[in-house]
Amino acid sequence: MPMAVGAIETLSFPTVLASADAMVKAAAVTLVYYGIAESGRLIVAIRGQVSEVQTAMTAGIAAGEQVPGGQVVTYYIVPNPPENVEAILPIHFTEESEPFRIF
C-alpha cells in the first residue's frame, strides 16, 4: 500500500516540537525524521496513508503557527515517493521509528 511522506520546516525548536506533537496526535502517522535543515531551520517528516498525512500536516502547520514567535517556513506532501527517493532521502522507517509504525 502506498505511503505518503509529509515534511514541515520551521524556524525554532518549540515550533517543530508543537508541529510534530500535533501531527502524531491528529492522525495515524509515524514520525520518521527530525533534523536541522539549512540556515539552522528544523525539519520533521512523517509517513502514513495519504489521507492521514494530509490530516496530520494540517494539524502540524496550525500548531506550529500558534507557537509564540514560531514560524512554519515551508511544508510539502509527497503522495507516493518512488523507491529511489526513499533509498536516498531520510524518509524511510528506521530501527527507532519502526516500533511506532502504523500500518
PDB file of N, CA and C in Angstrom:
ATOM      1  N   MET A   1       0.847  -1.182   0.000  1.00  0.00           N
ATOM      2  CA  MET A   1       0.000   0.000   0.000  1.00  0.00           C
ATOM      3  C   MET A   1       0.892   1.245   0.000  1.00  0.00           C
ATOM      4  N   PRO A   2       0.622   2.218  -0.851  1.00  0.00           N
ATOM      5  CA  PRO A   2       1.446   3.423  -0.930  1.00  0.00           C
ATOM      6  C   PRO A   2       1.432   4.204   0.374  1.00  0.00           C
ATOM      7  N   MET A   3       2.595   4.701   0.732  1.00  0.00           N
ATOM      8  CA  MET A   3       2.741   5.501   1.941  1.00  0.00           C
ATOM      9  C   MET A   3       3.207   6.891   1.536  1.00  0.00           C
ATOM     10  N   ALA A   4       2.494   7.889   1.996  1.00  0.00           N
ATOM     11  CA  ALA A   4       2.875   9.275   1.709  1.00  0.00           C
ATOM     12  C   ALA A   4       3.934   9.719   2.712  1.00  0.00           C
ATOM     13  N   VAL A   5       4.606  10.798   2.363  1.00  0.00           N
ATOM     14  CA  VAL A   5       5.538  11.450   3.284  1.00  0.00           C
ATOM     15  C   VAL A   5       5.173  12.930   3.332  1.00  0.00           C
ATOM     16  N   GLY A   6       5.230  13.482   4.523  1.00  0.00           N
ATOM     17  CA  GLY A   6       4.978  14.904   4.694  1.00  0.00           C
ATOM     18  C   GLY A   6       6.097  15.511   5.518  1.00  0.00           C
ATOM     19  N   ALA A   7       6.492  16.729   5.203  1.00  0.00           N
ATOM     20  CA  ALA A   7       7.573  17.397   5.933  1.00  0.00           C
ATOM     21  C   ALA A   7       7.195  18.841   6.226  1.00  0.00           C
ATOM     22  N   ILE A   8       7.561  19.283   7.413  1.00  0.00           N
ATOM     23  CA  ILE A   8       7.353  20.669   7.829  1.00  0.00           C
ATOM     24  C   ILE A   8       8.699  21.230   8.259  1.00  0.00           C
ATOM     25  N   GLU A   9       9.032  22.419   7.769  1.00  0.00           N
ATOM     26  CA  GLU A   9      10.262  23.106   8.149  1.00  0.00           C
ATOM     27  C   GLU A   9       9.895  24.348   8.948  1.00  0.00           C
ATOM     28  N   THR A  10      10.572  24.539  10.083  1.00  0.00           N
ATOM     29  CA  THR A  10      10.266  25.657  10.974  1.00  0.00           C
ATOM     30  C   THR A  10      11.533  26.424  11.329  1.00  0.00           C
ATOM     31  N   LEU A  11      11.348  27.545  12.036  1.00  0.00           N
ATOM     32  CA  LEU A  11      12.482  28.362  12.450  1.00  0.00           C
ATOM     33  C   LEU A  11      12.956  28.095  13.869  1.00  0.00           C
ATOM     34  N   SER A  12      12.180  27.370  14.679  1.00  0.00           N
ATOM     35  CA  SER A  12      12.590  27.176  16.066  1.00  0.00           C
ATOM     36  C   SER A  12      12.230  25.784  16.564  1.00  0.00           C
ATOM     37  N   PHE A  13      12.927  25.355  17.609  1.00  0.00           N
ATOM     38  CA  PHE A  13      12.636  24.052  18.193  1.00  0.00           C
ATOM     39  C   PHE A  13      11.224  23.982  18.771  1.00  0.00           C
ATOM     40  N   PRO A  14      10.753  24.982  19.528  1.00  0.00           N
ATOM     41  CA  PRO A  14       9.388  24.897  20.040  1.00  0.00           C
ATOM     42  C   PRO A  14       8.348  24.739  18.917  1.00  0.00           C
ATOM     43  N   THR A  15       8.596  25.376  17.794  1.00  0.00           N
ATOM     44  CA  THR A  15       7.658  25.281  16.672  1.00  0.00           C
ATOM     45  C   THR A  15       7.661  23.883  16.075  1.00  0.00           C
ATOM     46  N   VAL A  16       8.837  23.301  15.862  1.00  0.00           N
ATOM     47  CA  VAL A  16       8.901  21.957  15.293  1.00  0.00           C
ATOM     48  C   VAL A  16       8.349  20.934  16.290  1.00  0.00           C
ATOM     49  N   LEU A  17       8.567  21.159  17.569  1.00  0.00           N
ATOM     50  CA  LEU A  17       8.029  20.269  18.597  1.00  0.00           C
ATOM     51  C   LEU A  17       6.505  20.306  18.604  1.00  0.00           C
ATOM     52  N   ALA A  18       5.946  21.502  18.569  1.00  0.00           N
ATOM     53  CA  ALA A  18       4.487  21.640  18.543  1.00  0.00           C
ATOM     54  C   ALA A  18       3.906  21.006  17.287  1.00  0.00           C
ATOM     55  N   SER A  19       4.563  21.196  16.146  1.00  0.00           N
ATOM     56  CA  SER A  19       4.091  20.604  14.887  1.00  0.00           C
ATOM     57  C   SER A  19       4.129  19.088  14.949  1.00  0.00           C
ATOM     58  N   ALA A  20       5.245  18.525  15.407  1.00  0.00           N
ATOM     59  CA  ALA A  20       5.381  17.059  15.492  1.00  0.00           C
ATOM     60  C   ALA A  20       4.347  16.474  16.437  1.00  0.00           C
ATOM     61  N   ASP A  21       4.171  17.097  17.580  1.00  0.00           N
ATOM     62  CA  ASP A  21       3.200  16.629  18.564  1.00  0.00           C
ATOM     63  C   ASP A  21       1.791  16.621  17.982  1.00  0.00           C
ATOM     64  N   ALA A  22       1.421  17.704  17.332  1.00  0.00           N
ATOM     65  CA  ALA A  22       0.079  17.812  16.751  1.00  0.00           C
ATOM     66  C   ALA A  22      -0.138  16.780  15.642  1.00  0.00           C
ATOM     67  N   MET A  23       0.892  16.540  14.832  1.00  0.00           N
ATOM     68  CA  MET A  23       0.744  15.602  13.715  1.00  0.00           C
ATOM     69  C   MET A  23       0.489  14.182  14.193  1.00  0.00           C
ATOM     70  N   VAL A  24       1.280  13.720  15.158  1.00  0.00           N
ATOM     71  CA  VAL A  24       1.105  12.327  15.589  1.00  0.00           C
ATOM     72  C   VAL A  24      -0.155  12.137  16.425  1.00  0.00           C
ATOM     73  N   LYS A  25      -0.675  13.211  16.988  1.00  0.00           N
ATOM     74  CA  LYS A  25      -1.925  13.126  17.743  1.00  0.00           C
ATOM     75  C   LYS A  25      -3.156  13.249  16.849  1.00  0.00           C
ATOM     76  N   ALA A  26      -3.012  13.888  15.699  1.00  0.00           N
ATOM     77  CA  ALA A  26      -4.160  14.166  14.834  1.00  0.00           C
ATOM     78  C   ALA A  26      -4.505  13.025  13.888  1.00  0.00           C
ATOM     79  N   ALA A  27      -3.538  12.172  13.577  1.00  0.00           N
ATOM     80  CA  ALA A  27      -3.790  11.137  12.562  1.00  0.00           C
ATOM     81  C   ALA A  27      -2.856   9.952  12.787  1.00  0.00           C
ATOM     82  N   ALA A  28      -3.147   8.888  12.089  1.00  0.00           N
ATOM     83  CA  ALA A  28      -2.358   7.655  12.182  1.00  0.00           C
ATOM     84  C   ALA A  28      -1.116   7.777  11.302  1.00  0.00           C
ATOM     85  N   VAL A  29      -0.109   8.486  11.817  1.00  0.00           N
ATOM     86  CA  VAL A  29       1.152   8.685  11.097  1.00  0.00           C
ATOM     87  C   VAL A  29       2.312   8.339  12.023  1.00  0.00           C
ATOM     88  N   THR A  30       3.482   8.133  11.422  1.00  0.00           N
ATOM     89  CA  THR A  30       4.696   7.833  12.177  1.00  0.00           C
ATOM     90  C   THR A  30       5.741   8.897  11.886  1.00  0.00           C
ATOM     91  N   LEU A  31       6.340   9.421  12.930  1.00  0.00           N
ATOM     92  CA  LEU A  31       7.440  10.362  12.785  1.00  0.00           C
ATOM     93  C   LEU A  31       8.666   9.564  12.350  1.00  0.00           C
ATOM     94  N   VAL A  32       9.234   9.910  11.191  1.00  0.00           N
ATOM     95  CA  VAL A  32      10.369   9.146  10.668  1.00  0.00           C
ATOM     96  C   VAL A  32      11.669   9.941  10.620  1.00  0.00           C
ATOM     97  N   TYR A  33      11.602  11.261  10.726  1.00  0.00           N
ATOM     98  CA  TYR A  33      12.824  12.048  10.645  1.00  0.00           C
ATOM     99  C   TYR A  33      12.653  13.382  11.349  1.00  0.00           C
ATOM    100  N   TYR A  34      13.716  13.787  12.021  1.00  0.00           N
ATOM    101  CA  TYR A  34      13.813  15.120  12.599  1.00  0.00           C
ATOM    102  C   TYR A  34      15.261  15.551  12.411  1.00  0.00           C
ATOM    103  N   GLY A  35      15.485  16.769  11.992  1.00  0.00           N
ATOM    104  CA  GLY A  35      16.856  17.218  11.820  1.00  0.00           C
ATOM    105  C   GLY A  35      16.940  18.702  11.554  1.00  0.00           C
ATOM    106  N   ILE A  36      18.172  19.131  11.325  1.00  0.00           N
ATOM    107  CA  ILE A  36      18.447  20.532  11.034  1.00  0.00           C
ATOM    108  C   ILE A  36      18.565  20.704   9.529  1.00  0.00           C
ATOM    109  N   ALA A  37      17.794  21.625   8.991  1.00  0.00           N
ATOM    110  CA  ALA A  37      17.861  21.959   7.566  1.00  0.00           C
ATOM    111  C   ALA A  37      18.852  23.114   7.414  1.00  0.00           C
ATOM    112  N   GLU A  38      18.976  23.633   6.214  1.00  0.00           N
ATOM    113  CA  GLU A  38      19.912  24.733   6.011  1.00  0.00           C
ATOM    114  C   GLU A  38      19.534  25.956   6.837  1.00  0.00           C
ATOM    115  N   SER A  39      20.498  26.775   7.132  1.00  0.00           N
ATOM    116  CA  SER A  39      20.340  28.018   7.899  1.00  0.00           C
ATOM    117  C   SER A  39      19.823  27.780   9.319  1.00  0.00           C
ATOM    118  N   GLY A  40      20.034  26.573   9.857  1.00  0.00           N
ATOM    119  CA  GLY A  40      19.624  26.288  11.220  1.00  0.00           C
ATOM    120  C   GLY A  40      18.137  26.053  11.392  1.00  0.00           C
ATOM    121  N   ARG A  41      17.413  25.961  10.313  1.00  0.00           N
ATOM    122  CA  ARG A  41      15.991  25.656  10.405  1.00  0.00           C
ATOM    123  C   ARG A  41      15.831  24.186  10.787  1.00  0.00           C
ATOM    124  N   LEU A  42      14.677  23.846  11.334  1.00  0.00           N
ATOM    125  CA  LEU A  42      14.415  22.479  11.775  1.00  0.00           C
ATOM    126  C   LEU A  42      13.349  21.857  10.900  1.00  0.00           C
ATOM    127  N   ILE A  43      13.479  20.557  10.675  1.00  0.00           N
ATOM    128  CA  ILE A  43      12.532  19.860   9.812  1.00  0.00           C
ATOM    129  C   ILE A  43      12.084  18.574  10.492  1.00  0.00           C
ATOM    130  N   VAL A  44      10.829  18.242  10.299  1.00  0.00           N
ATOM    131  CA  VAL A  44      10.267  16.998  10.806  1.00  0.00           C
ATOM    132  C   VAL A  44       9.494  16.344   9.665  1.00  0.00           C
ATOM    133  N   ALA A  45       9.628  15.013   9.545  1.00  0.00           N
ATOM    134  CA  ALA A  45       8.946  14.285   8.471  1.00  0.00           C
ATOM    135  C   ALA A  45       8.123  13.146   9.063  1.00  0.00           C
ATOM    136  N   ILE A  46       6.981  12.896   8.441  1.00  0.00           N
ATOM    137  CA  ILE A  46       6.080  11.825   8.866  1.00  0.00           C
ATOM    138  C   ILE A  46       5.764  10.922   7.689  1.00  0.00           C
ATOM    139  N   ARG A  47       5.307   9.695   7.984  1.00  0.00           N
ATOM    140  CA  ARG A  47       4.866   8.756   6.946  1.00  0.00           C
ATOM    141  C   ARG A  47       3.514   8.189   7.352  1.00  0.00           C
ATOM    142  N   GLY A  48       2.726   7.819   6.373  1.00  0.00           N
ATOM    143  CA  GLY A  48       1.431   7.209   6.615  1.00  0.00           C
ATOM    144  C   GLY A  48       0.612   7.191   5.344  1.00  0.00           C
ATOM    145  N   GLN A  49      -0.621   6.752   5.445  1.00  0.00           N
ATOM    146  CA  GLN A  49      -1.543   6.777   4.316  1.00  0.00           C
ATOM    147  C   GLN A  49      -1.738   8.225   3.879  1.00  0.00           C
ATOM    148  N   VAL A  50      -2.018   8.436   2.613  1.00  0.00           N
ATOM    149  CA  VAL A  50      -2.131   9.796   2.071  1.00  0.00           C
ATOM    150  C   VAL A  50      -3.125  10.643   2.866  1.00  0.00           C
ATOM    151  N   SER A  51      -4.314  10.126   3.112  1.00  0.00           N
ATOM    152  CA  SER A  51      -5.325  10.909   3.831  1.00  0.00           C
ATOM    153  C   SER A  51      -4.891  11.212   5.262  1.00  0.00           C
ATOM    154  N   GLU A  52      -4.196  10.287   5.892  1.00  0.00           N
ATOM    155  CA  GLU A  52      -3.712  10.508   7.260  1.00  0.00           C
ATOM    156  C   GLU A  52      -2.613  11.563   7.289  1.00  0.00           C
ATOM    157  N   VAL A  53      -1.719  11.525   6.311  1.00  0.00           N
ATOM    158  CA  VAL A  53      -0.645  12.516   6.237  1.00  0.00           C
ATOM    159  C   VAL A  53      -1.234  13.903   5.979  1.00  0.00           C
ATOM    160  N   GLN A  54      -2.224  13.993   5.112  1.00  0.00           N
ATOM    161  CA  GLN A  54      -2.859  15.284   4.851  1.00  0.00           C
ATOM    162  C   GLN A  54      -3.492  15.852   6.117  1.00  0.00           C
ATOM    163  N   THR A  55      -4.198  15.013   6.877  1.00  0.00           N
ATOM    164  CA  THR A  55      -4.813  15.446   8.131  1.00  0.00           C
ATOM    165  C   THR A  55      -3.757  15.877   9.134  1.00  0.00           C
ATOM    166  N   ALA A  56      -2.703  15.080   9.257  1.00  0.00           N
ATOM    167  CA  ALA A  56      -1.632  15.380  10.206  1.00  0.00           C
ATOM    168  C   ALA A  56      -0.907  16.672   9.843  1.00  0.00           C
ATOM    169  N   MET A  57      -0.647  16.865   8.572  1.00  0.00           N
ATOM    170  CA  MET A  57       0.057  18.080   8.134  1.00  0.00           C
ATOM    171  C   MET A  57      -0.761  19.327   8.440  1.00  0.00           C
ATOM    172  N   THR A  58      -2.048  19.273   8.202  1.00  0.00           N
ATOM    173  CA  THR A  58      -2.920  20.406   8.507  1.00  0.00           C
ATOM    174  C   THR A  58      -2.827  20.757   9.988  1.00  0.00           C
ATOM    175  N   ALA A  59      -2.883  19.734  10.839  1.00  0.00           N
ATOM    176  CA  ALA A  59      -2.787  19.962  12.287  1.00  0.00           C
ATOM    177  C   ALA A  59      -1.404  20.478  12.674  1.00  0.00           C
ATOM    178  N   GLY A  60      -0.354  19.931  12.073  1.00  0.00           N
ATOM    179  CA  GLY A  60       1.008  20.345  12.391  1.00  0.00           C
ATOM    180  C   GLY A  60       1.300  21.776  11.992  1.00  0.00           C
ATOM    181  N   ILE A  61       0.826  22.168  10.839  1.00  0.00           N
ATOM    182  CA  ILE A  61       1.019  23.546  10.373  1.00  0.00           C
ATOM    183  C   ILE A  61       0.290  24.518  11.298  1.00  0.00           C
ATOM    184  N   ALA A  62      -0.958  24.193  11.634  1.00  0.00           N
ATOM    185  CA  ALA A  62      -1.745  25.063  12.514  1.00  0.00           C
ATOM    186  C   ALA A  62      -1.088  25.185  13.888  1.00  0.00           C
ATOM    187  N   ALA A  63      -0.618  24.067  14.429  1.00  0.00           N
ATOM    188  CA  ALA A  63       0.020  24.097  15.755  1.00  0.00           C
ATOM    189  C   ALA A  63       1.314  24.905  15.721  1.00  0.00           C
ATOM    190  N   GLY A  64       2.108  24.729  14.674  1.00  0.00           N
ATOM    191  CA  GLY A  64       3.361  25.466  14.554  1.00  0.00           C
ATOM    192  C   GLY A  64       3.145  26.961  14.458  1.00  0.00           C
ATOM    193  N   GLU A  65       2.101  27.369  13.761  1.00  0.00           N
ATOM    194  CA  GLU A  65       1.814  28.791  13.591  1.00  0.00           C
ATOM    195  C   GLU A  65       1.260  29.431  14.863  1.00  0.00           C
ATOM    196  N   GLN A  66       0.805  28.608  15.815  1.00  0.00           N
ATOM    197  CA  GLN A  66       0.273  29.146  17.069  1.00  0.00           C
ATOM    198  C   GLN A  66       1.340  29.329  18.147  1.00  0.00           C
ATOM    199  N   VAL A  67       2.538  28.820  17.922  1.00  0.00           N
ATOM    200  CA  VAL A  67       3.621  28.980  18.893  1.00  0.00           C
ATOM    201  C   VAL A  67       4.054  30.450  18.907  1.00  0.00           C
ATOM    202  N   PRO A  68       4.134  31.068  20.092  1.00  0.00           N
ATOM    203  CA  PRO A  68       4.567  32.471  20.153  1.00  0.00           C
ATOM    204  C   PRO A  68       5.940  32.650  19.504  1.00  0.00           C
ATOM    205  N   GLY A  69       6.004  33.496  18.515  1.00  0.00           N
ATOM    206  CA  GLY A  69       7.249  33.746  17.800  1.00  0.00           C
ATOM    207  C   GLY A  69       7.626  32.651  16.815  1.00  0.00           C
ATOM    208  N   GLY A  70       6.832  31.603  16.759  1.00  0.00           N
ATOM    209  CA  GLY A  70       7.130  30.487  15.869  1.00  0.00           C
ATOM    210  C   GLY A  70       6.755  30.783  14.434  1.00  0.00           C
ATOM    211  N   GLN A  71       7.405  30.084  13.534  1.00  0.00           N
ATOM    212  CA  GLN A  71       7.092  30.275  12.120  1.00  0.00           C
ATOM    213  C   GLN A  71       7.300  28.973  11.366  1.00  0.00           C
ATOM    214  N   VAL A  72       6.272  28.569  10.636  1.00  0.00           N
ATOM    215  CA  VAL A  72       6.399  27.453   9.704  1.00  0.00           C
ATOM    216  C   VAL A  72       6.931  28.057   8.415  1.00  0.00           C
ATOM    217  N   VAL A  73       8.122  27.645   8.006  1.00  0.00           N
ATOM    218  CA  VAL A  73       8.766  28.213   6.831  1.00  0.00           C
ATOM    219  C   VAL A  73       8.175  27.621   5.559  1.00  0.00           C
ATOM    220  N   THR A  74       8.083  26.302   5.520  1.00  0.00           N
ATOM    221  CA  THR A  74       7.556  25.626   4.346  1.00  0.00           C
ATOM    222  C   THR A  74       7.095  24.223   4.730  1.00  0.00           C
ATOM    223  N   TYR A  75       6.336  23.610   3.856  1.00  0.00           N
ATOM    224  CA  TYR A  75       5.856  22.242   4.083  1.00  0.00           C
ATOM    225  C   TYR A  75       5.536  21.620   2.740  1.00  0.00           C
ATOM    226  N   TYR A  76       5.483  20.281   2.733  1.00  0.00           N
ATOM    227  CA  TYR A  76       5.198  19.597   1.473  1.00  0.00           C
ATOM    228  C   TYR A  76       4.761  18.166   1.749  1.00  0.00           C
ATOM    229  N   ILE A  77       3.893  17.643   0.879  1.00  0.00           N
ATOM    230  CA  ILE A  77       3.448  16.254   0.943  1.00  0.00           C
ATOM    231  C   ILE A  77       3.776  15.578  -0.381  1.00  0.00           C
ATOM    232  N   VAL A  78       4.382  14.393  -0.297  1.00  0.00           N
ATOM    233  CA  VAL A  78       4.627  13.559  -1.480  1.00  0.00           C
ATOM    234  C   VAL A  78       3.736  12.327  -1.316  1.00  0.00           C
ATOM    235  N   PRO A  79       2.721  12.165  -2.172  1.00  0.00           N
ATOM    236  CA  PRO A  79       1.760  11.077  -2.007  1.00  0.00           C
ATOM    237  C   PRO A  79       2.344   9.667  -2.075  1.00  0.00           C
ATOM    238  N   ASN A  80       3.278   9.403  -2.935  1.00  0.00           N
ATOM    239  CA  ASN A  80       3.816   8.053  -3.073  1.00  0.00           C
ATOM    240  C   ASN A  80       5.247   8.141  -3.598  1.00  0.00           C
ATOM    241  N   PRO A  81       6.211   8.412  -2.707  1.00  0.00           N
ATOM    242  CA  PRO A  81       7.581   8.583  -3.192  1.00  0.00           C
ATOM    243  C   PRO A  81       8.123   7.288  -3.799  1.00  0.00           C
ATOM    244  N   PRO A  82       8.832   7.376  -4.928  1.00  0.00           N
ATOM    245  CA  PRO A  82       9.398   6.179  -5.543  1.00  0.00           C
ATOM    246  C   PRO A  82      10.540   5.614  -4.696  1.00  0.00           C
ATOM    247  N   GLU A  83      10.885   4.363  -4.954  1.00  0.00           N
ATOM    248  CA  GLU A  83      11.927   3.684  -4.185  1.00  0.00           C
ATOM    249  C   GLU A  83      13.243   4.451  -4.201  1.00  0.00           C
ATOM    250  N   ASN A  84      13.578   5.067  -5.316  1.00  0.00           N
ATOM    251  CA  ASN A  84      14.832   5.810  -5.407  1.00  0.00           C
ATOM    252  C   ASN A  84      14.859   6.959  -4.399  1.00  0.00           C
ATOM    253  N   VAL A  85      13.770   7.672  -4.268  1.00  0.00           N
ATOM    254  CA  VAL A  85      13.701   8.778  -3.307  1.00  0.00           C
ATOM    255  C   VAL A  85      13.804   8.227  -1.886  1.00  0.00           C
ATOM    256  N   GLU A  86      13.101   7.138  -1.619  1.00  0.00           N
ATOM    257  CA  GLU A  86      13.145   6.527  -0.289  1.00  0.00           C
ATOM    258  C   GLU A  86      14.539   6.027   0.063  1.00  0.00           C
ATOM    259  N   ALA A  87      15.252   5.503  -0.908  1.00  0.00           N
ATOM    260  CA  ALA A  87      16.583   4.958  -0.652  1.00  0.00           C
ATOM    261  C   ALA A  87      17.601   6.048  -0.347  1.00  0.00           C
ATOM    262  N   ILE A  88      17.436   7.220  -0.909  1.00  0.00           N
ATOM    263  CA  ILE A  88      18.433   8.282  -0.764  1.00  0.00           C
ATOM    264  C   ILE A  88      18.105   9.264   0.357  1.00  0.00           C
ATOM    265  N   LEU A  89      16.867   9.705   0.428  1.00  0.00           N
ATOM    266  CA  LEU A  89      16.487  10.697   1.436  1.00  0.00           C
ATOM    267  C   LEU A  89      16.120  10.022   2.760  1.00  0.00           C
ATOM    268  N   PRO A  90      16.279  10.714   3.880  1.00  0.00           N
ATOM    269  CA  PRO A  90      15.991  10.113   5.192  1.00  0.00           C
ATOM    270  C   PRO A  90      14.494  10.108   5.521  1.00  0.00           C
ATOM    271  N   ILE A  91      13.709   9.391   4.707  1.00  0.00           N
ATOM    272  CA  ILE A  91      12.258   9.348   4.935  1.00  0.00           C
ATOM    273  C   ILE A  91      11.760   7.929   5.161  1.00  0.00           C
ATOM    274  N   HIS A  92      12.670   6.968   5.262  1.00  0.00           N
ATOM    275  CA  HIS A  92      12.271   5.580   5.442  1.00  0.00           C
ATOM    276  C   HIS A  92      12.106   5.275   6.938  1.00  0.00           C
ATOM    277  N   PHE A  93      11.431   4.186   7.216  1.00  0.00           N
ATOM    278  CA  PHE A  93      11.283   3.755   8.598  1.00  0.00           C
ATOM    279  C   PHE A  93      12.637   3.221   9.076  1.00  0.00           C
ATOM    280  N   THR A  94      13.034   3.601  10.267  1.00  0.00           N
ATOM    281  CA  THR A  94      14.315   3.189  10.830  1.00  0.00           C
ATOM    282  C   THR A  94      14.070   2.270  12.026  1.00  0.00           C
ATOM    283  N   GLU A  95      15.148   1.791  12.601  1.00  0.00           N
ATOM    284  CA  GLU A  95      15.040   0.969  13.800  1.00  0.00           C
ATOM    285  C   GLU A  95      14.320   1.737  14.912  1.00  0.00           C
ATOM    286  N   GLU A  96      14.589   3.030  14.987  1.00  0.00           N
ATOM    287  CA  GLU A  96      13.974   3.857  16.024  1.00  0.00           C
ATOM    288  C   GLU A  96      12.490   4.110  15.762  1.00  0.00           C
ATOM    289  N   SER A  97      12.117   4.287  14.503  1.00  0.00           N
ATOM    290  CA  SER A  97      10.724   4.610  14.198  1.00  0.00           C
ATOM    291  C   SER A  97       9.853   3.380  13.988  1.00  0.00           C
ATOM    292  N   GLU A  98      10.439   2.246  13.687  1.00  0.00           N
ATOM    293  CA  GLU A  98       9.667   1.028  13.378  1.00  0.00           C
ATOM    294  C   GLU A  98       8.678   0.621  14.480  1.00  0.00           C
ATOM    295  N   PRO A  99       9.045   0.695  15.768  1.00  0.00           N
ATOM    296  CA  PRO A  99       8.071   0.311  16.797  1.00  0.00           C
ATOM    297  C   PRO A  99       6.799   1.168  16.805  1.00  0.00           C
ATOM    298  N   PHE A 100       6.884   2.350  16.228  1.00  0.00           N
ATOM    299  CA  PHE A 100       5.744   3.266  16.215  1.00  0.00           C
ATOM    300  C   PHE A 100       5.013   3.274  14.876  1.00  0.00           C
ATOM    301  N   ARG A 101       5.446   2.417  13.954  1.00  0.00           N
ATOM    302  CA  ARG A 101       4.864   2.381  12.609  1.00  0.00           C
ATOM    303  C   ARG A 101       3.400   1.977  12.673  1.00  0.00           C
ATOM    304  N   ILE A 102       2.596   2.714  11.954  1.00  0.00           N
ATOM    305  CA  ILE A 102       1.157   2.430  11.872  1.00  0.00           C
ATOM    306  C   ILE A 102       0.874   1.936  10.456  1.00  0.00           C
ATOM    307  N   PHE A 103       0.319   0.767  10.352  1.00  0.00           N
ATOM    308  CA  PHE A 103       0.089   0.168   9.023  1.00  0.00           C
ATOM    309  C   PHE A 103      -1.229   0.559   8.448  1.00  0.00           C
TER     310      PHE A 103
END
